[in-house]
Each structure stands twice: as C-alpha cells, then as structure tokens.
Amino acid sequence: MASSSSSSSSSGTASPCGACRFLRRKCTHDCIFAPYFGSEQGPAKFAAIHKVFGASNVSKLLLQIPPHDRPEAVTTIAYEAQARIHDPVYGCVAHIFTLQQQVAFLQAQLMEAKAHLAQNSNIENIFESAQTMMNMQENTKQKGVFFPSLS
C-alpha cells in the first residue's frame, strides 16, 4: 500500500505524499501525485499548484499525459503556479519577456565587442605589415640594398 515516493514508518503504514498531506486525505497506492510530491517538500510545492490550478484539474491533466512525460509536466506546472502567484496577470510570460530582453541586450553587446575586436584586429594587421616592411628595410640596408623609406 506504500506509494513509490513515500516511506514506510516502523508500524508499517505509509506516510502520505506531499499533495495528500496538504489536502489532508489518505494517500492511496495509485495516487497520481505521489511520485512527484514527496512527503517532505511536497506540501509546500503542491500548495501553490493547488491554489492556482486546483488539485482536481491537475490530477485530470496528469492522467492525460503519458507517464514518461509527467515529471516534466509537474515541474512546468509548479513553475507556472509560482510565477502566477508572483505575477497573477502575466505569470511566467513576464519572466520570459525579461529573459528575451536580456538576450537582445547581450547580443547587441556581443556585436559591439566583435566590431571592436575586428577594428583592433585590422589595426594590428596594419601595424604588423608596417613592422614587417620596416624589418625588411633593415635587413636589406644591412645587405647593402636600398629601398625608399615609407615616410
């Protein structure tokens, strides 16, 4: 009768999962919430989900999702619930928008840095070419061949 994420106490009874503990109900062996809401941190995590979406709605939603996709769905639902509590109007969209602005700003900075690097690279190439020419002139002067100066 113990669920997959709850542990048995010494008397043999299973402790309820975090969702069932929050809802103050008995946790059954086939509890849809048990694998995703442990008995320790589960009640706090589930409280936001219950407040925003409702336990029944989340239960129905999880039953429609293939079991291998449910952990990701629970993580997403929990994130959206926390975001909705923090910002009831925009939810996680506000965070996405902020991240998009950061990406645009960082891309602009990157383009600026690349342009600066390219400019410095061109200056270095010109300097290296001039240095090479000067070295060639020095070498040829030592050998007795004369080239007109660059200046």
Protein backbone atom coordinates (compact mmCIF):
# COMPACT_ATOMS: atom_id res chain seq x y z
CA MET A 1 0.00 0.00 0.00
CA ALA A 2 3.02 2.28 0.16
CA SER A 3 3.41 4.71 -2.74
CA SER A 4 6.60 4.88 -4.74
CA SER A 5 7.85 8.12 -3.17
CA SER A 6 6.59 7.79 0.37
CA SER A 7 8.42 5.85 3.02
CA SER A 8 7.01 3.38 5.46
CA SER A 9 7.17 4.08 9.16
CA SER A 10 8.10 1.49 11.73
CA SER A 11 4.44 0.50 12.20
CA GLY A 12 4.12 -0.42 8.51
CA THR A 13 1.80 2.40 7.44
CA ALA A 14 2.83 4.64 4.59
CA SER A 15 3.13 8.37 5.12
CA PRO A 16 1.06 10.39 2.67
CA CYS A 17 2.67 12.16 -0.26
CA GLY A 18 3.03 15.93 -0.07
CA ALA A 19 -0.12 16.56 -2.07
CA CYS A 20 -2.26 14.25 0.05
CA ARG A 21 -0.71 15.69 3.21
CA PHE A 22 -1.62 19.20 2.03
CA LEU A 23 -5.15 18.09 1.08
CA ARG A 24 -5.42 16.17 4.38
CA ARG A 25 -6.52 12.97 2.75
CA LYS A 26 -5.34 9.39 2.75
CA CYS A 27 -2.69 8.65 0.13
CA THR A 28 -3.59 5.54 -1.86
CA HIS A 29 -1.16 3.22 -3.62
CA ASP A 30 -2.29 4.59 -7.01
CA CYS A 31 -2.10 8.27 -6.04
CA ILE A 32 -1.31 10.33 -9.15
CA PHE A 33 0.61 12.89 -7.07
CA ALA A 34 2.80 10.54 -5.00
CA PRO A 35 5.70 10.16 -7.47
CA TYR A 36 6.06 13.93 -7.85
CA PHE A 37 5.35 15.37 -4.39
CA GLY A 38 7.39 13.72 -1.66
CA SER A 39 6.27 13.79 1.96
CA GLU A 40 8.97 16.31 2.98
CA GLN A 41 9.00 19.22 0.49
CA GLY A 42 5.81 18.18 -1.33
CA PRO A 43 3.18 20.09 0.67
CA ALA A 44 4.83 23.46 0.07
CA LYS A 45 5.36 22.71 -3.63
CA PHE A 46 1.81 21.45 -4.04
CA ALA A 47 0.23 24.38 -2.17
CA ALA A 48 0.98 26.82 -4.99
CA ILE A 49 -0.23 24.36 -7.63
CA HIS A 50 -3.46 23.77 -5.73
CA LYS A 51 -4.01 27.49 -5.19
CA VAL A 52 -3.58 28.37 -8.87
CA PHE A 53 -4.91 25.33 -10.73
CA GLY A 54 -6.77 23.18 -8.23
CA ALA A 55 -5.93 19.61 -7.27
CA SER A 56 -8.70 18.08 -9.36
CA ASN A 57 -7.64 19.92 -12.53
CA VAL A 58 -4.00 18.95 -12.09
CA SER A 59 -4.97 15.35 -11.42
CA LYS A 60 -7.05 15.22 -14.62
CA LEU A 61 -4.24 16.88 -16.57
CA LEU A 62 -1.62 14.41 -15.31
CA LEU A 63 -3.83 11.45 -16.18
CA GLN A 64 -3.95 12.66 -19.81
CA ILE A 65 -0.15 12.90 -20.08
CA PRO A 66 1.96 9.80 -20.80
CA PRO A 67 3.74 8.61 -17.63
CA HIS A 68 7.22 9.27 -19.03
CA ASP A 69 6.33 12.95 -19.62
CA ARG A 70 4.69 13.57 -16.24
CA PRO A 71 7.80 14.59 -14.26
CA GLU A 72 8.49 17.38 -16.77
CA ALA A 73 4.82 18.38 -16.72
CA VAL A 74 4.81 18.61 -12.91
CA THR A 75 7.95 20.76 -12.99
CA THR A 76 6.35 23.05 -15.57
CA ILE A 77 3.06 23.28 -13.67
CA ALA A 78 4.89 24.06 -10.43
CA TYR A 79 6.94 26.77 -12.16
CA GLU A 80 3.86 28.35 -13.72
CA ALA A 81 1.99 28.22 -10.41
CA GLN A 82 4.84 30.02 -8.61
CA ALA A 83 5.01 32.57 -11.41
CA ARG A 84 1.23 33.15 -11.27
CA ILE A 85 1.39 33.72 -7.52
CA HIS A 86 4.23 36.21 -8.03
CA ASP A 87 2.60 37.90 -11.07
CA PRO A 88 -1.09 36.99 -11.40
CA VAL A 89 -1.55 38.74 -14.74
CA TYR A 90 1.45 37.60 -16.78
CA GLY A 91 2.76 34.58 -14.88
CA CYS A 92 5.89 33.12 -16.42
CA VAL A 93 5.42 35.23 -19.57
CA ALA A 94 6.86 38.20 -17.66
CA HIS A 95 9.97 36.17 -16.88
CA ILE A 96 10.24 35.01 -20.50
CA PHE A 97 9.96 38.62 -21.68
CA THR A 98 12.69 39.71 -19.25
CA LEU A 99 14.95 36.92 -20.49
CA GLN A 100 14.29 37.89 -24.11
CA GLN A 101 15.29 41.47 -23.32
CA GLN A 102 18.49 40.22 -21.69
CA VAL A 103 19.28 38.09 -24.74
CA ALA A 104 18.73 41.09 -27.07
CA PHE A 105 20.95 43.29 -24.88
CA LEU A 106 23.70 40.66 -24.71
CA GLN A 107 23.54 40.10 -28.47
CA ALA A 108 24.00 43.84 -29.01
CA GLN A 109 26.96 43.82 -26.62
CA LEU A 110 28.44 40.84 -28.44
CA MET A 111 28.10 42.54 -31.82
CA GLU A 112 29.75 45.66 -30.40
CA ALA A 113 32.59 43.61 -28.95
CA LYS A 114 33.08 41.76 -32.25
CA ALA A 115 33.19 45.07 -34.14
CA HIS A 116 35.70 46.44 -31.65
CA LEU A 117 37.78 43.27 -31.93
CA ALA A 118 37.66 43.41 -35.73
CA GLN A 119 38.73 47.06 -35.65
CA ASN A 120 41.60 46.26 -33.31
CA SER A 121 42.49 43.25 -35.42
CA ASN A 122 42.69 45.45 -38.54
CA ILE A 123 44.87 47.95 -36.70
CA GLU A 124 47.11 45.12 -35.51
CA ASN A 125 47.34 43.75 -39.06
CA ILE A 126 48.32 47.17 -40.38
CA PHE A 127 50.85 47.54 -37.58
CA GLU A 128 52.26 44.07 -38.28
CA SER A 129 52.52 44.84 -42.01
CA ALA A 130 54.34 48.10 -41.29
CA GLN A 131 56.61 46.30 -38.84
CA THR A 132 57.37 43.63 -41.44
CA MET A 133 58.17 46.29 -44.04
CA MET A 134 60.49 48.08 -41.60
CA ASN A 135 62.21 44.79 -40.79
CA MET A 136 62.66 44.09 -44.48
CA GLN A 137 64.16 47.54 -44.98
CA GLU A 138 66.57 46.99 -42.09
CA ASN A 139 67.60 43.61 -43.49
CA THR A 140 68.16 45.00 -46.96
CA LYS A 141 70.14 48.00 -45.64
CA GLN A 142 72.43 45.60 -43.87
CA LYS A 143 72.93 43.73 -47.12
CA GLY A 144 73.59 46.96 -48.98
CA VAL A 145 70.33 47.12 -50.97
CA PHE A 146 68.48 50.41 -50.72
CA PHE A 147 64.69 50.88 -50.73
CA PRO A 148 62.97 54.26 -50.41
CA SER A 149 61.51 54.84 -46.96
CA LEU A 150 57.78 54.57 -46.24
CA SER A 151 57.54 58.04 -44.75
